Amino acid sequence: MSTGMQAFTPLDAVAAPLFEPNIDTDKLIPHKFLRKPLAAGYRNFLFHDQRFAEDGSVRPDFVLNRAPFDRARVLVAGRNFGCGSTREGAIYALQDFGIRCVVAPSFGDIFYANCLQNGLLPVVLGEATVAALAAHLEAHPGAHVAVDLAAQTLALPQGGTVRFDIDAVRKEQLLKGLDDIGMTQQHAQAIARFETAYRARHPWLFRDLPGLPRHAPRAGEGS
């Protein structure tokens, strides 16, 4: 069964520092790109106005335009990351760029929920820990962060391992690559059995559905 969501497996990858507070979803993907077909790819829409000049040229000073950060799969950000308006396009842009995990002291609530529904892992750590990690990454370009969702740990490039919290159900969804619909589909046979038994007990409720026999109304039901 597939919902289009990629399962989250252990990740050991280059991490990029963007330790700024209140990076909102309009910075992540400007609203003018939200009607673009998803199949066309959202990679170049991520942080568009920070990554590109008005003439379309690349801004070499922006962190995700600089090697080796341009191949980062972990983004280390400031507090309240993903605040602002609701737009799943922000998640699509991060994923299409290659980001699988964002580490921050806090996230916008709706953005956090959208991450979990689309296979992007949001990790909340203390602000001092995130600040130290971002500073190390800036001083050591190319340093890796190892993310183990099953163990709920991050191995830091400066040494040491930290643990993060995540809701148990959401953790299971990410590990299995299932959104809410996919989780429901796991119980398809039980749902089908219930529906069959329910129809048998209450046939008059389904008398007008195509392909089902009509039943005379019960007393008191009217015509």
Protein backbone atom coordinates (compact mmCIF):
# COMPACT_ATOMS: atom_id res chain seq x y z
CA MET A 1 0.00 0.00 0.00
CA SER A 2 1.40 3.42 -0.90
CA THR A 3 0.33 6.91 0.08
CA GLY A 4 3.25 8.64 -1.63
CA MET A 5 4.94 9.27 1.71
CA GLN A 6 8.53 8.07 2.09
CA ALA A 7 9.40 6.10 5.22
CA PHE A 8 11.96 7.77 7.46
CA THR A 9 15.08 5.61 7.75
CA PRO A 10 18.28 6.35 9.74
CA LEU A 11 19.87 9.45 8.29
CA ASP A 12 23.55 10.47 8.41
CA ALA A 13 23.95 13.57 6.29
CA VAL A 14 25.36 17.05 5.82
CA ALA A 15 23.53 19.59 7.97
CA ALA A 16 23.11 23.27 7.10
CA PRO A 17 22.83 26.06 9.69
CA LEU A 18 20.10 28.69 9.33
CA PHE A 19 19.77 29.77 12.93
CA GLU A 20 17.31 32.62 12.55
CA PRO A 21 14.05 33.01 14.49
CA ASN A 22 10.56 33.24 12.96
CA ILE A 23 11.32 31.98 9.47
CA ASP A 24 7.79 31.90 8.10
CA THR A 25 6.23 29.81 5.36
CA ASP A 26 6.24 32.70 2.90
CA LYS A 27 10.04 32.75 3.13
CA LEU A 28 10.12 28.99 2.69
CA ILE A 29 8.02 29.28 -0.46
CA PRO A 30 6.63 32.63 -1.66
CA HIS A 31 2.89 32.52 -2.31
CA LYS A 32 3.34 33.21 -6.03
CA PHE A 33 4.60 29.65 -6.51
CA LEU A 34 1.80 27.84 -4.71
CA ARG A 35 -0.20 27.21 -7.90
CA LYS A 36 2.72 25.58 -9.67
CA PRO A 37 2.18 21.88 -10.52
CA LEU A 38 3.79 19.70 -7.88
CA ALA A 39 5.15 17.38 -10.56
CA ALA A 40 7.25 20.24 -11.93
CA GLY A 41 9.38 20.17 -8.78
CA TYR A 42 9.56 22.69 -5.95
CA ARG A 43 13.32 22.63 -5.36
CA ASN A 44 14.03 26.07 -6.79
CA PHE A 45 11.10 27.65 -4.95
CA LEU A 46 12.63 26.97 -1.52
CA PHE A 47 13.79 30.27 0.02
CA HIS A 48 13.42 31.66 -3.49
CA ASP A 49 13.75 35.34 -2.64
CA GLN A 50 16.81 34.70 -0.47
CA ARG A 51 18.50 32.29 -2.90
CA PHE A 52 17.96 34.23 -6.12
CA ALA A 53 18.34 37.85 -7.19
CA GLU A 54 15.63 39.61 -9.21
CA ASP A 55 17.44 38.73 -12.45
CA GLY A 56 17.38 35.04 -11.50
CA SER A 57 21.07 34.81 -10.64
CA VAL A 58 22.12 32.79 -7.61
CA ARG A 59 23.02 34.67 -4.44
CA PRO A 60 26.32 33.02 -3.42
CA ASP A 61 26.09 34.24 0.17
CA PHE A 62 22.92 32.33 1.05
CA VAL A 63 23.74 29.22 3.02
CA LEU A 64 21.90 26.69 0.83
CA ASN A 65 23.67 28.03 -2.26
CA ARG A 66 27.10 27.35 -0.74
CA ALA A 67 28.86 24.01 -1.03
CA PRO A 68 28.67 21.69 0.83
CA PHE A 69 25.46 23.06 2.37
CA ASP A 70 23.77 22.86 -1.03
CA ARG A 71 23.51 19.10 -0.54
CA ALA A 72 22.29 19.22 3.06
CA ARG A 73 19.56 16.84 4.15
CA VAL A 74 19.28 18.27 7.66
CA LEU A 75 18.44 21.92 8.32
CA VAL A 76 19.24 23.49 11.69
CA ALA A 77 16.99 26.50 12.26
CA GLY A 78 15.91 29.03 14.88
CA ARG A 79 12.84 29.11 17.07
CA ASN A 80 9.31 29.28 15.65
CA PHE A 81 10.40 27.82 12.32
CA GLY A 82 7.55 27.53 9.82
CA CYS A 83 5.31 30.11 11.43
CA GLY A 84 2.86 32.15 9.35
CA SER A 85 0.25 30.97 6.89
CA THR A 86 -0.76 27.37 6.30
CA ARG A 87 0.85 25.95 3.16
CA GLU A 88 1.99 22.40 2.53
CA GLY A 89 4.03 23.79 -0.36
CA ALA A 90 6.65 24.74 2.24
CA ILE A 91 7.09 21.06 3.06
CA TYR A 92 7.18 20.10 -0.63
CA ALA A 93 9.92 22.67 -1.27
CA LEU A 94 12.08 21.44 1.61
CA GLN A 95 11.67 17.82 0.55
CA ASP A 96 12.33 18.47 -3.12
CA PHE A 97 15.55 20.24 -2.15
CA GLY A 98 16.53 17.10 -0.24
CA ILE A 99 15.79 18.09 3.36
CA ARG A 100 14.44 15.16 5.42
CA CYS A 101 14.81 16.62 8.92
CA VAL A 102 14.59 20.10 10.42
CA VAL A 103 16.02 20.74 13.89
CA ALA A 104 14.79 23.81 15.78
CA PRO A 105 13.89 24.98 19.30
CA SER A 106 10.22 25.28 18.24
CA PHE A 107 7.98 25.17 15.18
CA GLY A 108 4.78 26.76 13.96
CA ASP A 109 2.02 24.37 15.05
CA ILE A 110 0.45 23.79 11.64
CA PHE A 111 3.82 23.52 9.94
CA TYR A 112 4.86 20.87 12.47
CA ALA A 113 1.70 18.86 11.75
CA ASN A 114 2.22 19.21 7.98
CA CYS A 115 5.77 17.88 8.34
CA LEU A 116 4.51 14.72 10.03
CA GLN A 117 1.83 14.17 7.40
CA ASN A 118 4.37 14.39 4.59
CA GLY A 119 7.34 12.41 5.90
CA LEU A 120 9.55 15.31 7.03
CA LEU A 121 10.88 14.89 10.58
CA PRO A 122 10.71 18.01 12.80
CA VAL A 123 13.02 17.68 15.82
CA VAL A 124 12.60 19.98 18.81
CA LEU A 125 15.67 20.55 20.99
CA GLY A 126 16.62 23.17 23.56
CA GLU A 127 17.65 26.52 22.12
CA ALA A 128 21.16 26.38 23.57
CA THR A 129 21.71 22.94 22.04
CA VAL A 130 20.48 24.07 18.63
CA ALA A 131 22.54 27.26 18.77
CA ALA A 132 25.71 25.30 19.59
CA LEU A 133 24.99 22.85 16.77
CA ALA A 134 24.42 25.66 14.26
CA ALA A 135 27.65 27.40 15.30
CA HIS A 136 29.60 24.17 14.88
CA LEU A 137 28.14 23.59 11.42
CA GLU A 138 29.05 27.11 10.35
CA ALA A 139 32.62 26.60 11.56
CA HIS A 140 32.89 23.10 10.08
CA PRO A 141 31.14 23.04 6.69
CA GLY A 142 30.24 19.53 5.64
CA ALA A 143 29.80 18.19 9.16
CA HIS A 144 27.20 15.46 9.47
CA VAL A 145 24.28 14.98 11.84
CA ALA A 146 23.03 11.43 12.35
CA VAL A 147 19.30 11.07 13.00
CA ASP A 148 17.85 7.85 14.38
CA LEU A 149 14.07 8.16 14.62
CA ALA A 150 13.57 4.66 16.05
CA ALA A 151 15.88 5.51 18.96
CA GLN A 152 14.78 9.19 18.95
CA THR A 153 18.36 10.42 19.00
CA LEU A 154 20.64 12.85 17.18
CA ALA A 155 24.38 12.22 17.08
CA LEU A 156 26.01 15.65 17.04
CA PRO A 157 29.13 16.38 14.97
CA GLN A 158 30.80 18.16 17.90
CA GLY A 159 30.36 15.00 19.96
CA GLY A 160 27.61 13.53 22.06
CA THR A 161 24.10 12.32 21.43
CA VAL A 162 20.85 14.05 22.36
CA ARG A 163 17.38 12.55 22.63
CA PHE A 164 14.22 14.17 21.24
CA ASP A 165 10.54 13.59 21.91
CA ILE A 166 7.87 12.70 19.37
CA ASP A 167 4.32 11.41 19.65
CA ALA A 168 4.32 7.60 19.46
CA VAL A 169 1.66 7.42 16.74
CA ARG A 170 3.39 10.02 14.58
CA LYS A 171 6.68 8.19 15.04
CA GLU A 172 5.08 4.97 13.79
CA GLN A 173 3.64 6.78 10.78
CA LEU A 174 7.03 8.21 9.81
CA LEU A 175 8.84 4.91 10.26
CA LYS A 176 6.24 3.12 8.10
CA GLY A 177 5.81 5.92 5.56
CA LEU A 178 2.09 6.24 6.23
CA ASP A 179 -0.03 9.37 6.51
CA ASP A 180 -3.43 9.31 8.26
CA ILE A 181 -5.10 7.76 5.22
CA GLY A 182 -2.42 5.09 5.01
CA MET A 183 -2.82 4.27 8.70
CA THR A 184 -6.57 3.84 8.17
CA GLN A 185 -6.01 1.63 5.13
CA GLN A 186 -4.11 -0.82 7.30
CA HIS A 187 -7.48 -1.74 8.79
CA ALA A 188 -9.27 -2.10 5.44
CA GLN A 189 -10.38 -5.69 6.03
CA ALA A 190 -11.80 -4.93 9.47
CA ILE A 191 -13.62 -1.90 8.06
CA ALA A 192 -15.08 -4.00 5.24
CA ARG A 193 -16.29 -6.64 7.72
CA PHE A 194 -17.94 -3.98 9.85
CA GLU A 195 -19.67 -2.40 6.84
CA THR A 196 -20.99 -5.78 5.66
CA ALA A 197 -22.37 -6.61 9.11
CA TYR A 198 -23.82 -3.13 9.52
CA ARG A 199 -25.65 -3.34 6.18
CA ALA A 200 -27.02 -6.74 7.17
CA ARG A 201 -28.36 -5.35 10.44
CA HIS A 202 -29.78 -2.15 8.93
CA PRO A 203 -30.69 -2.91 5.29
CA TRP A 204 -33.32 -0.17 5.10
CA LEU A 205 -30.59 2.48 5.44
CA PHE A 206 -29.08 1.42 2.12
CA ARG A 207 -32.18 0.75 0.03
CA ASP A 208 -31.56 3.66 -2.38
CA LEU A 209 -27.90 2.93 -3.03
CA PRO A 210 -27.02 1.70 -6.56
CA GLY A 211 -26.72 -2.05 -6.86
CA LEU A 212 -28.54 -2.79 -3.63
CA PRO A 213 -32.07 -4.24 -3.43
CA ARG A 214 -34.78 -1.91 -2.27
CA HIS A 215 -36.45 -2.77 0.99
CA ALA A 216 -39.88 -1.83 2.12
CA PRO A 217 -39.83 0.79 4.90
CA ARG A 218 -40.31 -0.43 8.39
CA ALA A 219 -43.41 0.54 10.32
CA GLY A 220 -43.31 4.20 11.21
CA GLU A 221 -40.64 5.05 8.60
CA GLY A 222 -43.07 6.48 6.08
CA SER A 223 -42.96 5.75 2.37
